[in-house]
Amino acid sequence: MKTDLTDTTASKINKALVKARRAIGTPAVGMVLTLVIVTDEENAYDALKAAGDASREHPSRTLVVIKRVSRSPRDRTQSRLDAEVRVGADAGTGETVVLRLHGEVVDHAQSVVLPLLLPDAPVVVWWPVNAPLDPANDPLGALAQRRVTDTYACEQPVKELAARADAYTPGDTDLSWTRITPWRSMLAAALDQVACQVQGVEVEGEEFNPSCELLAMWLADRLDVPVRRTRSAGPGLTAVRMDTDCGPIVLDRADGSLATLAIQGQPKRAVALKRRDTAELIAEELRRLDPDDTYASALRYGVERLKQENGGGAQAKGERESGEREAVPAPVESVAKGPAAEATAEAPVKRAAAK
């Protein structure tokens, strides 16, 4: 069921929601959270579709905030709120309200959203694109327990990561971090199978992919060994090589779906490691509403070097005719060595286990 409201108010939207629920025979509210999506017209459809798919696992009230651009000075002084209320089959397993803000009300979106939040339920705010540099201090972000951004959608992802680290507040997270969950799980499981010491790590992936940087910083932070970042044609992350005193451990994914795990002394194994869509990423983030301390630690680990290098410094994979990767310093490498390792040959070696 879909209801269009023009030049309306939050009170009228709430009444329309109640009326729609009664019309389809579900007067009770069975939703577990409120998901606020802040986006523009161009990206609203994709974001709403992803949220609808995720609502099958997490029934929620989805509020889509679209800030319309006013074309003239007169329009910018006039406030108007248009809404589209979707309940039932048109809204997945929850409720959806699409809010289009015009004029001065664009600067006061929180006053429109606040009356529409589910009472006594967690609030998650998601910016698919154009996220604020400090999500926690954004008027809408201040309403939420969790704030989800995506540095992959930014023009300069590595610089954006540095800004996220500077402004990090417990509850912040990034879909670029969510994308590497299967990689982190697989690498941790591989290290659990051997009694070896990791001496160095190499992370290979696309040049401007923040997930590659986050994985490299996570490995450097947890293992306290030198990590270098090399570049490939993608898609996304393509390989991680860990050098140990028992031989190399290599997780290689060349095609973006099926990976090969090679451990010295063991047969190679095929591992399903596909690139997940946005709906799966959002569903994963909605499973936890507590602060992600591991993400915070990894994010802060390489900030200073990231600011200086802006993601450059690695050679392209296709430029090396021999096929061997050269040890070219990358944004994470200098940070990974840190003050405790002035030279690679003398770097401290720790057990290959999480701290």
Protein backbone atom coordinates (compact mmCIF):
# COMPACT_ATOMS: atom_id res chain seq x y z
CA MET A 1 0.00 0.00 0.00
CA LYS A 2 1.36 3.39 -1.00
CA THR A 3 0.19 6.84 0.10
CA ASP A 4 1.43 10.15 -1.30
CA LEU A 5 1.37 13.26 0.88
CA THR A 6 2.19 16.71 -0.53
CA ASP A 7 3.14 19.71 1.60
CA THR A 8 2.61 17.69 4.74
CA THR A 9 3.86 17.43 8.34
CA ALA A 10 5.34 14.73 10.55
CA SER A 11 2.03 14.43 12.41
CA LYS A 12 0.12 13.72 9.20
CA ILE A 13 2.75 11.15 8.18
CA ASN A 14 2.32 9.29 11.47
CA LYS A 15 -1.45 9.24 10.99
CA ALA A 16 -0.99 7.91 7.46
CA LEU A 17 1.22 5.11 8.80
CA VAL A 18 -1.40 4.07 11.38
CA LYS A 19 -4.16 4.19 8.79
CA ALA A 20 -2.14 2.12 6.31
CA ARG A 21 -1.35 -0.55 8.92
CA ARG A 22 -5.01 -0.89 9.81
CA ALA A 23 -5.98 -1.07 6.14
CA ILE A 24 -3.73 -4.08 5.52
CA GLY A 25 -4.72 -5.74 8.80
CA THR A 26 -1.51 -5.33 10.82
CA PRO A 27 -2.17 -2.62 13.42
CA ALA A 28 0.71 -3.77 15.66
CA VAL A 29 4.23 -2.45 15.15
CA GLY A 30 6.59 -5.42 14.83
CA MET A 31 9.79 -3.62 13.84
CA VAL A 32 13.09 -3.80 15.71
CA LEU A 33 14.80 -0.54 14.70
CA THR A 34 14.62 2.65 12.65
CA LEU A 35 16.92 2.91 9.64
CA VAL A 36 17.43 6.48 8.40
CA ILE A 37 18.90 6.75 4.91
CA VAL A 38 20.27 10.16 3.94
CA THR A 39 20.80 10.37 0.20
CA ASP A 40 19.91 12.21 -3.01
CA GLU A 41 17.48 11.45 -5.82
CA GLU A 42 20.16 9.80 -7.93
CA ASN A 43 21.05 7.16 -5.34
CA ALA A 44 17.72 6.85 -3.54
CA TYR A 45 16.42 3.89 -5.58
CA ASP A 46 19.49 1.70 -5.04
CA ALA A 47 19.69 2.54 -1.33
CA LEU A 48 15.98 1.85 -0.82
CA LYS A 49 16.20 -1.46 -2.65
CA ALA A 50 19.15 -2.56 -0.50
CA ALA A 51 17.31 -1.54 2.68
CA GLY A 52 14.21 -3.43 1.54
CA ASP A 53 16.22 -6.61 1.00
CA ALA A 54 17.93 -6.21 4.38
CA SER A 55 14.55 -5.73 6.10
CA ARG A 56 13.79 -9.42 5.56
CA GLU A 57 16.36 -10.12 8.25
CA HIS A 58 15.81 -6.92 10.23
CA PRO A 59 12.19 -5.65 10.04
CA SER A 60 12.52 -1.90 10.42
CA ARG A 61 10.95 1.45 9.77
CA THR A 62 12.99 2.97 6.95
CA LEU A 63 13.05 6.75 6.64
CA VAL A 64 14.62 7.98 3.40
CA VAL A 65 15.67 11.63 3.68
CA ILE A 66 16.13 13.30 0.28
CA LYS A 67 17.24 16.90 0.35
CA ARG A 68 16.00 18.56 -2.82
CA VAL A 69 18.03 21.34 -4.44
CA SER A 70 16.23 24.69 -4.67
CA ARG A 71 16.78 26.40 -8.00
CA SER A 72 16.00 29.98 -7.06
CA PRO A 73 16.45 32.27 -3.99
CA ARG A 74 12.69 32.41 -3.54
CA ASP A 75 12.41 28.61 -3.43
CA ARG A 76 15.18 28.45 -0.84
CA THR A 77 13.14 30.59 1.56
CA GLN A 78 10.01 28.44 1.26
CA SER A 79 9.79 25.19 3.21
CA ARG A 80 7.88 22.17 2.02
CA LEU A 81 7.81 18.51 3.01
CA ASP A 82 6.52 15.84 0.63
CA ALA A 83 6.21 12.24 1.75
CA GLU A 84 5.54 8.83 0.30
CA VAL A 85 4.31 6.24 2.79
CA ARG A 86 4.77 2.56 1.90
CA VAL A 87 3.38 -0.30 3.99
CA GLY A 88 2.95 -3.98 3.23
CA ALA A 89 4.29 -5.52 0.03
CA ASP A 90 5.62 -2.15 -1.14
CA ALA A 91 7.89 -1.88 1.92
CA GLY A 92 9.31 -5.37 2.36
CA THR A 93 8.77 -6.59 5.91
CA GLY A 94 8.65 -3.15 7.53
CA GLU A 95 7.51 0.37 6.79
CA THR A 96 9.06 2.91 4.47
CA VAL A 97 8.63 6.67 4.41
CA VAL A 98 10.33 8.65 1.66
CA LEU A 99 10.78 12.26 2.77
CA ARG A 100 11.56 14.97 0.22
CA LEU A 101 12.66 18.21 1.82
CA HIS A 102 12.47 21.56 0.02
CA GLY A 103 13.71 25.01 1.02
CA GLU A 104 14.77 25.93 4.54
CA VAL A 105 13.59 22.65 6.05
CA VAL A 106 16.58 21.00 4.33
CA ASP A 107 18.80 22.44 7.08
CA HIS A 108 16.52 21.04 9.79
CA ALA A 109 15.99 17.46 8.66
CA GLN A 110 16.33 16.19 12.23
CA SER A 111 13.14 18.03 13.25
CA VAL A 112 11.24 16.07 10.58
CA VAL A 113 12.82 12.70 11.36
CA LEU A 114 12.61 12.83 15.18
CA PRO A 115 8.78 12.47 15.45
CA LEU A 116 8.87 9.50 13.05
CA LEU A 117 11.38 7.37 15.00
CA LEU A 118 10.07 4.18 16.56
CA PRO A 119 9.79 4.63 20.34
CA ASP A 120 12.31 2.71 22.46
CA ALA A 121 14.01 1.24 19.39
CA PRO A 122 17.61 1.67 18.17
CA VAL A 123 18.31 4.15 15.40
CA VAL A 124 20.82 3.58 12.58
CA VAL A 125 21.71 6.33 10.11
CA TRP A 126 23.22 5.37 6.75
CA TRP A 127 24.80 7.70 4.21
CA PRO A 128 25.24 5.76 0.92
CA VAL A 129 27.05 8.78 -0.58
CA ASN A 130 28.15 12.26 0.52
CA ALA A 131 28.54 11.41 4.20
CA PRO A 132 29.55 14.21 6.60
CA LEU A 133 33.17 14.28 7.75
CA ASP A 134 32.01 13.97 11.35
CA PRO A 135 28.92 11.72 11.35
CA ALA A 136 28.44 11.80 15.13
CA ASN A 137 28.13 15.60 15.17
CA ASP A 138 25.77 15.71 12.20
CA PRO A 139 22.22 16.65 13.31
CA LEU A 140 20.85 13.36 11.99
CA GLY A 141 23.85 11.32 13.11
CA ALA A 142 23.37 12.59 16.66
CA LEU A 143 20.02 10.74 16.80
CA ALA A 144 21.59 7.34 16.12
CA GLN A 145 23.37 4.59 18.02
CA ARG A 146 25.11 3.48 14.82
CA ARG A 147 26.28 5.63 11.90
CA VAL A 148 27.12 3.85 8.64
CA THR A 149 29.17 5.50 5.89
CA ASP A 150 30.90 4.20 2.76
CA THR A 151 34.31 5.60 1.84
CA TYR A 152 34.26 3.50 -1.34
CA ALA A 153 31.70 5.97 -2.75
CA CYS A 154 33.99 8.95 -2.12
CA GLU A 155 36.14 10.64 -4.73
CA GLN A 156 39.29 10.34 -2.58
CA PRO A 157 38.75 7.26 -0.41
CA VAL A 158 42.11 7.26 1.39
CA LYS A 159 41.86 10.89 2.42
CA GLU A 160 38.32 10.14 3.57
CA LEU A 161 39.64 7.31 5.76
CA ALA A 162 42.00 9.76 7.43
CA ALA A 163 39.11 12.13 8.12
CA ARG A 164 37.03 9.26 9.52
CA ALA A 165 39.85 8.39 11.92
CA ASP A 166 40.17 11.97 13.14
CA ALA A 167 36.44 12.24 13.82
CA TYR A 168 35.82 8.66 14.98
CA THR A 169 33.16 8.26 17.68
CA PRO A 170 32.05 4.89 19.11
CA GLY A 171 29.18 3.76 16.92
CA ASP A 172 30.75 4.85 13.61
CA THR A 173 31.35 2.20 10.97
CA ASP A 174 32.07 1.93 7.26
CA LEU A 175 30.83 -0.47 4.59
CA SER A 176 34.40 -0.63 3.29
CA TRP A 177 35.24 -2.34 6.58
CA THR A 178 32.21 -4.63 6.31
CA ARG A 179 33.37 -5.78 2.87
CA ILE A 180 36.50 -7.39 4.31
CA THR A 181 34.77 -9.47 7.01
CA PRO A 182 35.10 -12.72 4.99
CA TRP A 183 38.78 -11.96 4.32
CA ARG A 184 39.49 -11.35 7.98
CA SER A 185 37.67 -14.54 8.97
CA MET A 186 39.52 -16.62 6.38
CA LEU A 187 42.96 -15.24 7.30
CA ALA A 188 42.35 -15.76 11.01
CA ALA A 189 41.22 -19.34 10.35
CA ALA A 190 44.33 -19.98 8.23
CA LEU A 191 46.62 -18.79 11.01
CA ASP A 192 44.82 -21.01 13.51
CA GLN A 193 45.88 -24.05 11.47
CA VAL A 194 49.63 -23.47 11.79
CA ALA A 195 52.08 -22.97 14.65
CA CYS A 196 54.21 -20.40 12.88
CA GLN A 197 55.37 -16.85 13.38
CA VAL A 198 54.37 -14.20 10.83
CA GLN A 199 57.30 -12.11 9.63
CA GLY A 200 55.68 -9.91 6.99
CA VAL A 201 52.47 -9.40 5.03
CA GLU A 202 51.58 -8.15 1.56
CA VAL A 203 48.08 -6.96 0.61
CA GLU A 204 47.27 -6.66 -3.08
CA GLY A 205 44.23 -4.89 -4.56
CA GLU A 206 42.88 -1.95 -6.50
CA GLU A 207 44.71 1.32 -6.06
CA PHE A 208 41.85 3.44 -4.75
CA ASN A 209 40.02 0.81 -2.73
CA PRO A 210 39.64 1.70 0.97
CA SER A 211 38.89 -1.92 1.87
CA CYS A 212 42.43 -2.86 0.82
CA GLU A 213 43.87 -0.14 3.04
CA LEU A 214 41.71 -1.18 5.99
CA LEU A 215 42.70 -4.83 5.65
CA ALA A 216 46.38 -3.88 5.52
CA MET A 217 46.03 -1.67 8.60
CA TRP A 218 44.12 -4.38 10.45
CA LEU A 219 46.86 -6.94 9.78
CA ALA A 220 49.57 -4.48 10.79
CA ASP A 221 47.70 -3.59 13.96
CA ARG A 222 46.94 -7.15 15.05
CA LEU A 223 50.19 -8.87 14.03
CA ASP A 224 52.63 -6.01 14.60
CA VAL A 225 54.72 -6.92 11.54
CA PRO A 226 55.67 -4.98 8.38
CA VAL A 227 52.80 -4.80 5.90
CA ARG A 228 53.17 -3.56 2.36
CA ARG A 229 50.42 -2.59 -0.03
CA THR A 230 50.75 -3.40 -3.74
CA ARG A 231 48.43 -2.54 -6.57
CA SER A 232 46.55 -4.78 -9.00
CA ALA A 233 43.82 -4.36 -11.61
CA GLY A 234 41.21 -5.76 -9.21
CA PRO A 235 38.38 -6.39 -8.81
CA GLY A 236 38.66 -5.19 -5.23
CA LEU A 237 41.01 -7.18 -3.04
CA THR A 238 42.91 -9.77 -5.06
CA ALA A 239 45.48 -11.40 -2.74
CA VAL A 240 47.04 -11.49 0.71
CA ARG A 241 50.43 -13.13 1.26
CA MET A 242 51.75 -13.78 4.76
CA ASP A 243 55.39 -14.78 5.08
CA THR A 244 55.98 -17.05 8.07
CA ASP A 245 58.92 -19.08 9.38
CA CYS A 246 57.07 -22.19 8.17
CA GLY A 247 56.54 -20.91 4.64
CA PRO A 248 54.08 -18.58 2.92
CA ILE A 249 50.32 -18.48 3.45
CA VAL A 250 48.55 -17.08 0.38
CA LEU A 251 44.88 -16.20 -0.10
CA ASP A 252 44.43 -15.34 -3.77
CA ARG A 253 41.19 -14.18 -5.39
CA ALA A 254 41.72 -13.17 -9.00
CA ASP A 255 38.15 -13.20 -10.31
CA GLY A 256 36.19 -11.59 -7.46
CA SER A 257 34.27 -14.74 -6.48
CA LEU A 258 36.42 -17.86 -5.95
CA ALA A 259 39.66 -17.72 -3.98
CA THR A 260 42.50 -20.18 -3.43
CA LEU A 261 44.03 -20.71 0.00
CA ALA A 262 47.57 -22.08 -0.08
CA ILE A 263 49.37 -23.08 3.15
CA GLN A 264 52.88 -24.54 3.09
CA GLY A 265 52.74 -28.30 3.47
CA GLN A 266 48.99 -28.53 2.80
CA PRO A 267 47.00 -28.99 -0.44
CA LYS A 268 45.50 -25.87 -2.01
CA ARG A 269 41.84 -25.25 -1.24
CA ALA A 270 39.13 -23.43 -3.18
CA VAL A 271 37.30 -20.90 -0.99
CA ALA A 272 34.05 -19.07 -1.80
CA LEU A 273 34.90 -15.40 -1.36
CA LYS A 274 32.48 -13.51 -3.57
CA ARG A 275 32.02 -9.75 -3.59
CA ARG A 276 28.83 -9.05 -1.67
CA ASP A 277 26.12 -6.59 -2.64
CA THR A 278 25.01 -3.62 -0.57
CA ALA A 279 21.97 -5.39 0.91
CA GLU A 280 24.19 -8.07 2.47
CA LEU A 281 26.56 -5.45 3.85
CA ILE A 282 23.76 -3.44 5.46
CA ALA A 283 22.20 -6.60 6.90
CA GLU A 284 25.54 -7.48 8.52
CA GLU A 285 25.91 -4.02 10.04
CA LEU A 286 22.39 -4.13 11.49
CA ARG A 287 23.25 -7.33 13.36
CA ARG A 288 25.35 -5.41 15.84
CA LEU A 289 24.61 -2.06 17.42
CA ASP A 290 27.56 -1.88 19.82
CA PRO A 291 30.78 0.03 19.00
CA ASP A 292 33.26 -1.82 16.80
CA ASP A 293 36.55 -1.43 18.65
CA THR A 294 38.48 -3.54 16.13
CA TYR A 295 37.46 -1.20 13.32
CA ALA A 296 38.45 1.82 15.40
CA SER A 297 41.88 0.36 16.17
CA ALA A 298 42.57 -0.53 12.53
CA LEU A 299 41.29 2.81 11.25
CA ARG A 300 43.51 4.83 13.55
CA TYR A 301 46.59 2.72 12.93
CA GLY A 302 47.57 4.21 9.59
CA VAL A 303 46.07 7.68 9.69
CA GLU A 304 49.25 9.74 9.70
CA ARG A 305 50.81 7.89 6.81
CA LEU A 306 47.56 7.94 4.88
CA LYS A 307 47.41 11.72 5.20
CA GLN A 308 50.91 12.08 3.81
CA GLU A 309 50.66 9.63 0.94
CA ASN A 310 46.98 9.85 -0.08
CA GLY A 311 46.99 6.26 -1.21
CA GLY A 312 49.89 6.41 -3.71
CA GLY A 313 53.27 4.77 -3.86
CA ALA A 314 52.62 1.25 -5.18
CA GLN A 315 53.59 -0.10 -8.57
CA ALA A 316 51.02 -1.54 -10.93
CA LYS A 317 51.04 -5.30 -11.22
CA GLY A 318 51.16 -5.23 -15.01
CA GLU A 319 54.27 -3.05 -15.05
CA ARG A 320 56.50 -5.82 -13.71
CA GLU A 321 57.51 -8.15 -16.54
CA SER A 322 59.04 -10.72 -14.23
CA GLY A 323 55.73 -11.19 -12.41
CA GLU A 324 57.41 -10.71 -9.03
CA ARG A 325 56.17 -7.98 -6.71
CA GLU A 326 58.73 -5.39 -5.68
CA ALA A 327 58.90 -4.16 -2.14
CA VAL A 328 57.58 -0.66 -2.90
CA PRO A 329 56.64 1.39 0.15
CA ALA A 330 52.91 1.97 0.40
CA PRO A 331 50.76 4.06 2.75
CA VAL A 332 50.48 1.31 5.34
CA GLU A 333 54.02 -0.04 5.21
CA SER A 334 55.76 2.79 6.99
CA VAL A 335 53.12 2.81 9.71
CA ALA A 336 53.13 -0.95 10.05
CA LYS A 337 56.84 -0.96 10.84
CA GLY A 338 56.44 1.73 13.47
CA PRO A 339 59.03 2.79 15.97
CA ALA A 340 59.52 -0.79 17.15
CA ALA A 341 60.87 -1.90 13.76
CA GLU A 342 63.46 0.39 12.21
CA ALA A 343 64.41 -2.16 9.59
CA THR A 344 62.58 -5.11 8.16
CA ALA A 345 65.40 -7.53 8.98
CA GLU A 346 65.26 -6.58 12.63
CA ALA A 347 61.45 -6.28 12.93
CA PRO A 348 60.02 -8.03 15.98
CA VAL A 349 58.24 -11.26 15.19
CA LYS A 350 55.08 -12.10 17.07
CA ARG A 351 52.81 -15.06 17.17
CA ALA A 352 50.24 -15.11 14.42
CA ALA A 353 47.29 -14.53 16.70
CA ALA A 354 45.00 -11.62 17.41
CA LYS A 355 45.97 -9.42 20.31
